[in-house]
Amino acid sequence: MKKITLLSLVAASVLFTACGEDSKKAAAEATAKTVEVAKTTTEDVKKAATEATAKTVEAAKETTEDVKAAATKLAEATKAKAAELAKVAKEEATKAAQKATEAADALKARAVETTEAAKKMATEALSDNGAGKAAYAKCAGCHGVDGKTKALGKSEILAGQSAADIEQKIVEYKAGSRNVAGMGTLMKGQVTSLSDADIKAVATYISAM
């Protein structure tokens, strides 16, 4: 009986020892697999991160190139538009300058026409005003045929004065109330014989010179 019990204990001990070895081996294998899986997972993560980084860099590069291309295109369009506007402005300025020149030429031509017309009217007035011309005949010796001579180097020039001013001055000389440069007496003698109509005629004649 004692022998059987002893053998049973020995057998149990052997079985327990065998189970312990199997457990250790299984645990070691599990640990090794876990480490391998973790290592593999880490490598995959690193690889995925590297690929993601590369893709991000590539996408950023492409985006930068797109932005540069868009900026270049916009700059070229802006430059072209500016050149077009400058061309239009230049053309408008040229047209405006041409119109201004034409207007100036037209005004110049009109001024010439007006001057010529005024000269013609003055000439006709001188020719038609026989009474004024006759009355001025005795004035021409001192004041000049064209009324631009200072009588005795003292009097004012008659040409260019208005008919009303000349008429008023002759009336004053005739009345003896005007005496310029000491010529009042001389002028009174010259105009005393003139009638009111003669004074008006000669004043008109002189103003047309």
C-alpha atoms as a PDB file:
ATOM      1  CA  MET A   1       0.000   0.000   0.000  1.00  0.00           C
ATOM      2  CA  LYS A   2       2.797   2.381   0.913  1.00  0.00           C
ATOM      3  CA  LYS A   3       4.535   1.525  -2.329  1.00  0.00           C
ATOM      4  CA  ILE A   4       1.493   2.435  -4.383  1.00  0.00           C
ATOM      5  CA  THR A   5       1.126   5.749  -2.617  1.00  0.00           C
ATOM      6  CA  LEU A   6       4.789   6.580  -3.163  1.00  0.00           C
ATOM      7  CA  LEU A   7       4.567   5.714  -6.810  1.00  0.00           C
ATOM      8  CA  SER A   8       1.505   7.922  -7.141  1.00  0.00           C
ATOM      9  CA  LEU A   9       3.370  10.850  -5.618  1.00  0.00           C
ATOM     10  CA  VAL A  10       6.324  10.309  -7.904  1.00  0.00           C
ATOM     11  CA  ALA A  11       4.033  10.124 -10.935  1.00  0.00           C
ATOM     12  CA  ALA A  12       2.222  13.302  -9.864  1.00  0.00           C
ATOM     13  CA  SER A  13       5.517  15.080  -9.333  1.00  0.00           C
ATOM     14  CA  VAL A  14       6.709  14.058 -12.796  1.00  0.00           C
ATOM     15  CA  LEU A  15       3.437  15.215 -14.361  1.00  0.00           C
ATOM     16  CA  PHE A  16       3.543  18.529 -12.530  1.00  0.00           C
ATOM     17  CA  THR A  17       7.094  19.142 -13.600  1.00  0.00           C
ATOM     18  CA  ALA A  18       6.198  18.336 -17.211  1.00  0.00           C
ATOM     19  CA  CYS A  19       3.235  20.705 -17.107  1.00  0.00           C
ATOM     20  CA  GLY A  20       5.403  23.441 -15.683  1.00  0.00           C
ATOM     21  CA  GLU A  21       7.885  23.094 -18.547  1.00  0.00           C
ATOM     22  CA  ASP A  22       5.092  23.193 -21.107  1.00  0.00           C
ATOM     23  CA  SER A  23       3.658  26.335 -19.513  1.00  0.00           C
ATOM     24  CA  LYS A  24       7.017  28.065 -19.545  1.00  0.00           C
ATOM     25  CA  LYS A  25       7.537  27.114 -23.151  1.00  0.00           C
ATOM     26  CA  ALA A  26       4.066  28.316 -24.114  1.00  0.00           C
ATOM     27  CA  ALA A  27       4.593  31.569 -22.246  1.00  0.00           C
ATOM     28  CA  ALA A  28       7.939  32.123 -23.987  1.00  0.00           C
ATOM     29  CA  GLU A  29       6.437  31.455 -27.376  1.00  0.00           C
ATOM     30  CA  ALA A  30       3.518  33.828 -26.639  1.00  0.00           C
ATOM     31  CA  THR A  31       5.926  36.505 -25.516  1.00  0.00           C
ATOM     32  CA  ALA A  32       8.026  36.073 -28.641  1.00  0.00           C
ATOM     33  CA  LYS A  33       4.929  36.313 -30.853  1.00  0.00           C
ATOM     34  CA  THR A  34       3.765  39.395 -29.008  1.00  0.00           C
ATOM     35  CA  VAL A  35       7.147  41.077 -29.497  1.00  0.00           C
ATOM     36  CA  GLU A  36       7.140  40.104 -33.178  1.00  0.00           C
ATOM     37  CA  VAL A  37       3.628  41.458 -33.660  1.00  0.00           C
ATOM     38  CA  ALA A  38       4.523  44.671 -31.834  1.00  0.00           C
ATOM     39  CA  LYS A  39       7.672  45.029 -33.938  1.00  0.00           C
ATOM     40  CA  THR A  40       5.717  44.426 -37.126  1.00  0.00           C
ATOM     41  CA  THR A  41       3.037  46.891 -36.061  1.00  0.00           C
ATOM     42  CA  THR A  42       5.671  49.541 -35.250  1.00  0.00           C
ATOM     43  CA  GLU A  43       7.311  49.084 -38.645  1.00  0.00           C
ATOM     44  CA  ASP A  44       3.945  49.365 -40.366  1.00  0.00           C
ATOM     45  CA  VAL A  45       3.172  52.516 -38.418  1.00  0.00           C
ATOM     46  CA  LYS A  46       6.560  54.014 -39.319  1.00  0.00           C
ATOM     47  CA  LYS A  47       6.078  53.075 -42.965  1.00  0.00           C
ATOM     48  CA  ALA A  48       2.561  54.521 -43.033  1.00  0.00           C
ATOM     49  CA  ALA A  49       3.776  57.703 -41.338  1.00  0.00           C
ATOM     50  CA  THR A  50       6.647  58.026 -43.831  1.00  0.00           C
ATOM     51  CA  GLU A  51       4.306  57.514 -46.778  1.00  0.00           C
ATOM     52  CA  ALA A  52       1.811  60.010 -45.346  1.00  0.00           C
ATOM     53  CA  THR A  53       4.596  62.554 -44.829  1.00  0.00           C
ATOM     54  CA  ALA A  54       5.844  62.046 -48.369  1.00  0.00           C
ATOM     55  CA  LYS A  55       2.353  62.458 -49.766  1.00  0.00           C
ATOM     56  CA  THR A  56       1.815  65.608 -47.686  1.00  0.00           C
ATOM     57  CA  VAL A  57       5.088  67.103 -48.943  1.00  0.00           C
ATOM     58  CA  GLU A  58       4.211  66.213 -52.534  1.00  0.00           C
ATOM     59  CA  ALA A  59       0.725  67.700 -52.169  1.00  0.00           C
ATOM     60  CA  ALA A  60       2.185  70.856 -50.641  1.00  0.00           C
ATOM     61  CA  LYS A  61       4.704  71.086 -53.495  1.00  0.00           C
ATOM     62  CA  GLU A  62       1.976  70.672 -56.101  1.00  0.00           C
ATOM     63  CA  THR A  63      -0.165  73.282 -54.337  1.00  0.00           C
ATOM     64  CA  THR A  64       2.780  75.701 -54.284  1.00  0.00           C
ATOM     65  CA  GLU A  65       3.377  75.159 -57.980  1.00  0.00           C
ATOM     66  CA  ASP A  66      -0.321  75.742 -58.680  1.00  0.00           C
ATOM     67  CA  VAL A  67      -0.251  78.966 -56.646  1.00  0.00           C
ATOM     68  CA  LYS A  68       2.867  80.131 -58.512  1.00  0.00           C
ATOM     69  CA  ALA A  69       1.275  79.327 -61.857  1.00  0.00           C
ATOM     70  CA  ALA A  70      -1.915  81.161 -60.894  1.00  0.00           C
ATOM     71  CA  ALA A  71       0.072  84.174 -59.664  1.00  0.00           C
ATOM     72  CA  THR A  72       2.125  84.242 -62.876  1.00  0.00           C
ATOM     73  CA  LYS A  73      -1.013  84.024 -64.982  1.00  0.00           C
ATOM     74  CA  LEU A  74      -2.663  86.816 -63.005  1.00  0.00           C
ATOM     75  CA  ALA A  75       0.453  89.006 -63.304  1.00  0.00           C
ATOM     76  CA  GLU A  76       0.563  88.469 -67.059  1.00  0.00           C
ATOM     77  CA  ALA A  77      -3.142  89.286 -67.387  1.00  0.00           C
ATOM     78  CA  THR A  78      -2.711  92.414 -65.268  1.00  0.00           C
ATOM     79  CA  LYS A  79       0.285  93.513 -67.333  1.00  0.00           C
ATOM     80  CA  ALA A  80      -1.614  92.962 -70.565  1.00  0.00           C
ATOM     81  CA  LYS A  81      -4.617  94.916 -69.267  1.00  0.00           C
ATOM     82  CA  ALA A  82      -2.382  97.767 -68.102  1.00  0.00           C
ATOM     83  CA  ALA A  83      -0.712  97.895 -71.511  1.00  0.00           C
ATOM     84  CA  GLU A  84      -4.117  97.943 -73.190  1.00  0.00           C
ATOM     85  CA  LEU A  85      -5.352 100.763 -70.946  1.00  0.00           C
ATOM     86  CA  ALA A  86      -2.127 102.713 -71.538  1.00  0.00           C
ATOM     87  CA  LYS A  87      -2.575 102.327 -75.290  1.00  0.00           C
ATOM     88  CA  VAL A  88      -6.183 103.536 -75.107  1.00  0.00           C
ATOM     89  CA  ALA A  89      -5.151 106.477 -72.912  1.00  0.00           C
ATOM     90  CA  LYS A  90      -2.400 107.411 -75.371  1.00  0.00           C
ATOM     91  CA  GLU A  91      -4.819 107.250 -78.288  1.00  0.00           C
ATOM     92  CA  GLU A  92      -7.349 109.403 -76.437  1.00  0.00           C
ATOM     93  CA  ALA A  93      -4.634 111.901 -75.503  1.00  0.00           C
ATOM     94  CA  THR A  94      -3.532 112.057 -79.135  1.00  0.00           C
ATOM     95  CA  LYS A  95      -7.115 112.632 -80.276  1.00  0.00           C
ATOM     96  CA  ALA A  96      -7.609 115.323 -77.628  1.00  0.00           C
ATOM     97  CA  ALA A  97      -4.368 117.049 -78.658  1.00  0.00           C
ATOM     98  CA  GLN A  98      -5.420 116.885 -82.301  1.00  0.00           C
ATOM     99  CA  LYS A  99      -8.819 118.367 -81.498  1.00  0.00           C
ATOM    100  CA  ALA A 100      -7.176 121.105 -79.435  1.00  0.00           C
ATOM    101  CA  THR A 101      -4.841 121.900 -82.330  1.00  0.00           C
ATOM    102  CA  GLU A 102      -7.758 121.972 -84.772  1.00  0.00           C
ATOM    103  CA  ALA A 103      -9.719 124.230 -82.423  1.00  0.00           C
ATOM    104  CA  ALA A 104      -6.714 126.556 -82.041  1.00  0.00           C
ATOM    105  CA  ASP A 105      -6.264 126.666 -85.819  1.00  0.00           C
ATOM    106  CA  ALA A 106      -9.965 127.386 -86.263  1.00  0.00           C
ATOM    107  CA  LEU A 107      -9.808 130.210 -83.702  1.00  0.00           C
ATOM    108  CA  LYS A 108      -6.708 131.592 -85.370  1.00  0.00           C
ATOM    109  CA  ALA A 109      -8.375 131.496 -88.767  1.00  0.00           C
ATOM    110  CA  ARG A 110     -11.486 133.126 -87.281  1.00  0.00           C
ATOM    111  CA  ALA A 111      -9.343 135.838 -85.692  1.00  0.00           C
ATOM    112  CA  VAL A 112      -7.671 136.503 -89.032  1.00  0.00           C
ATOM    113  CA  GLU A 113     -11.053 136.664 -90.729  1.00  0.00           C
ATOM    114  CA  THR A 114     -12.367 139.019 -88.046  1.00  0.00           C
ATOM    115  CA  THR A 115      -9.305 141.242 -88.341  1.00  0.00           C
ATOM    116  CA  GLU A 116      -9.601 141.352 -92.102  1.00  0.00           C
ATOM    117  CA  ALA A 117     -13.307 142.110 -91.838  1.00  0.00           C
ATOM    118  CA  ALA A 118     -12.601 144.886 -89.350  1.00  0.00           C
ATOM    119  CA  LYS A 119      -9.961 146.341 -91.649  1.00  0.00           C
ATOM    120  CA  LYS A 120     -12.355 146.151 -94.568  1.00  0.00           C
ATOM    121  CA  MET A 121     -15.097 147.856 -92.581  1.00  0.00           C
ATOM    122  CA  ALA A 122     -12.684 150.545 -91.446  1.00  0.00           C
ATOM    123  CA  THR A 123     -11.509 151.118 -94.989  1.00  0.00           C
ATOM    124  CA  GLU A 124     -15.091 151.294 -96.232  1.00  0.00           C
ATOM    125  CA  ALA A 125     -15.969 153.666 -93.416  1.00  0.00           C
ATOM    126  CA  LEU A 126     -13.064 155.907 -94.316  1.00  0.00           C
ATOM    127  CA  SER A 127     -14.021 155.825 -97.980  1.00  0.00           C
ATOM    128  CA  ASP A 128     -17.734 156.387 -97.432  1.00  0.00           C
ATOM    129  CA  ASN A 129     -17.290 159.132 -94.849  1.00  0.00           C
ATOM    130  CA  GLY A 130     -16.564 161.964 -97.306  1.00  0.00           C
ATOM    131  CA  ALA A 131     -17.514 164.704 -94.851  1.00  0.00           C
ATOM    132  CA  GLY A 132     -15.277 163.269 -92.134  1.00  0.00           C
ATOM    133  CA  LYS A 133     -12.438 162.827 -94.591  1.00  0.00           C
ATOM    134  CA  ALA A 134     -12.757 166.387 -95.772  1.00  0.00           C
ATOM    135  CA  ALA A 135     -12.876 167.700 -92.197  1.00  0.00           C
ATOM    136  CA  TYR A 136      -9.788 165.717 -91.225  1.00  0.00           C
ATOM    137  CA  ALA A 137      -7.758 167.089 -94.152  1.00  0.00           C
ATOM    138  CA  LYS A 138      -6.571 170.079 -92.102  1.00  0.00           C
ATOM    139  CA  CYS A 139      -5.821 167.762 -89.107  1.00  0.00           C
ATOM    140  CA  ALA A 140      -3.564 165.413 -91.095  1.00  0.00           C
ATOM    141  CA  GLY A 141      -0.725 167.965 -91.223  1.00  0.00           C
ATOM    142  CA  CYS A 142      -0.138 167.637 -87.465  1.00  0.00           C
ATOM    143  CA  HIS A 143      -1.700 164.274 -86.545  1.00  0.00           C
ATOM    144  CA  GLY A 144      -0.606 162.351 -89.657  1.00  0.00           C
ATOM    145  CA  VAL A 145      -2.637 160.851 -92.455  1.00  0.00           C
ATOM    146  CA  ASP A 146      -3.218 157.730 -90.360  1.00  0.00           C
ATOM    147  CA  GLY A 147      -3.763 159.611 -87.064  1.00  0.00           C
ATOM    148  CA  LYS A 148      -0.694 158.020 -85.476  1.00  0.00           C
ATOM    149  CA  THR A 149       1.496 161.115 -85.161  1.00  0.00           C
ATOM    150  CA  LYS A 150       1.783 163.229 -82.008  1.00  0.00           C
ATOM    151  CA  ALA A 151       0.981 166.797 -83.046  1.00  0.00           C
ATOM    152  CA  LEU A 152       4.070 168.953 -82.447  1.00  0.00           C
ATOM    153  CA  GLY A 153       5.402 165.995 -80.482  1.00  0.00           C
ATOM    154  CA  LYS A 154       3.035 166.797 -77.607  1.00  0.00           C
ATOM    155  CA  SER A 155      -0.499 165.608 -78.283  1.00  0.00           C
ATOM    156  CA  GLU A 156      -1.905 162.131 -77.813  1.00  0.00           C
ATOM    157  CA  ILE A 157      -2.238 159.778 -80.779  1.00  0.00           C
ATOM    158  CA  LEU A 158      -5.717 159.904 -82.289  1.00  0.00           C
ATOM    159  CA  ALA A 159      -5.817 156.493 -83.974  1.00  0.00           C
ATOM    160  CA  GLY A 160      -7.422 153.867 -81.803  1.00  0.00           C
ATOM    161  CA  GLN A 161      -9.677 156.210 -79.829  1.00  0.00           C
ATOM    162  CA  SER A 162     -13.450 155.790 -79.910  1.00  0.00           C
ATOM    163  CA  ALA A 163     -15.656 158.131 -81.909  1.00  0.00           C
ATOM    164  CA  ALA A 164     -17.462 159.242 -78.723  1.00  0.00           C
ATOM    165  CA  ASP A 165     -14.192 160.221 -76.977  1.00  0.00           C
ATOM    166  CA  ILE A 166     -12.887 162.135 -79.990  1.00  0.00           C
ATOM    167  CA  GLU A 167     -16.197 163.931 -80.492  1.00  0.00           C
ATOM    168  CA  GLN A 168     -16.283 164.985 -76.810  1.00  0.00           C
ATOM    169  CA  LYS A 169     -12.698 166.296 -76.954  1.00  0.00           C
ATOM    170  CA  ILE A 170     -13.339 168.310 -80.144  1.00  0.00           C
ATOM    171  CA  VAL A 171     -16.459 169.822 -78.565  1.00  0.00           C
ATOM    172  CA  GLU A 172     -14.396 170.823 -75.513  1.00  0.00           C
ATOM    173  CA  TYR A 173     -11.636 172.321 -77.671  1.00  0.00           C
ATOM    174  CA  LYS A 174     -14.278 174.284 -79.639  1.00  0.00           C
ATOM    175  CA  ALA A 175     -15.768 175.557 -76.376  1.00  0.00           C
ATOM    176  CA  GLY A 176     -12.309 176.535 -75.106  1.00  0.00           C
ATOM    177  CA  SER A 177     -12.633 174.323 -72.020  1.00  0.00           C
ATOM    178  CA  ARG A 178      -9.899 171.869 -73.003  1.00  0.00           C
ATOM    179  CA  ASN A 179      -6.182 172.630 -73.077  1.00  0.00           C
ATOM    180  CA  VAL A 180      -3.774 169.688 -73.334  1.00  0.00           C
ATOM    181  CA  ALA A 181      -0.027 170.436 -73.459  1.00  0.00           C
ATOM    182  CA  GLY A 182      -0.782 174.098 -74.076  1.00  0.00           C
ATOM    183  CA  MET A 183      -2.496 173.341 -77.375  1.00  0.00           C
ATOM    184  CA  GLY A 184      -5.981 174.516 -76.398  1.00  0.00           C
ATOM    185  CA  THR A 185      -5.824 177.815 -78.341  1.00  0.00           C
ATOM    186  CA  LEU A 186      -4.404 176.136 -81.444  1.00  0.00           C
ATOM    187  CA  MET A 187      -7.048 173.425 -81.425  1.00  0.00           C
ATOM    188  CA  LYS A 188      -9.853 175.935 -80.810  1.00  0.00           C
ATOM    189  CA  GLY A 189      -8.833 177.770 -83.955  1.00  0.00           C
ATOM    190  CA  GLN A 190      -8.805 174.533 -85.929  1.00  0.00           C
ATOM    191  CA  VAL A 191     -12.258 173.285 -84.895  1.00  0.00           C
ATOM    192  CA  THR A 192     -14.227 176.517 -84.443  1.00  0.00           C
ATOM    193  CA  SER A 193     -15.626 176.346 -87.987  1.00  0.00           C
ATOM    194  CA  LEU A 194     -16.801 172.750 -87.601  1.00  0.00           C
ATOM    195  CA  SER A 195     -20.525 172.174 -87.203  1.00  0.00           C
ATOM    196  CA  ASP A 196     -21.917 169.512 -84.892  1.00  0.00           C
ATOM    197  CA  ALA A 197     -22.432 167.270 -87.927  1.00  0.00           C
ATOM    198  CA  ASP A 198     -18.834 167.879 -89.065  1.00  0.00           C
ATOM    199  CA  ILE A 199     -17.504 167.084 -85.582  1.00  0.00           C
ATOM    200  CA  LYS A 200     -19.458 163.828 -85.513  1.00  0.00           C
ATOM    201  CA  ALA A 201     -18.285 162.930 -89.022  1.00  0.00           C
ATOM    202  CA  VAL A 202     -14.597 163.604 -88.361  1.00  0.00           C
ATOM    203  CA  ALA A 203     -14.764 161.738 -85.028  1.00  0.00           C
ATOM    204  CA  THR A 204     -16.222 158.725 -86.819  1.00  0.00           C
ATOM    205  CA  TYR A 205     -13.573 159.000 -89.522  1.00  0.00           C
ATOM    206  CA  ILE A 206     -10.709 159.134 -87.022  1.00  0.00           C
ATOM    207  CA  SER A 207     -12.053 156.192 -84.976  1.00  0.00           C
ATOM    208  CA  ALA A 208     -12.028 154.026 -88.103  1.00  0.00           C
ATOM    209  CA  MET A 209      -8.305 154.527 -88.679  1.00  0.00           C
END
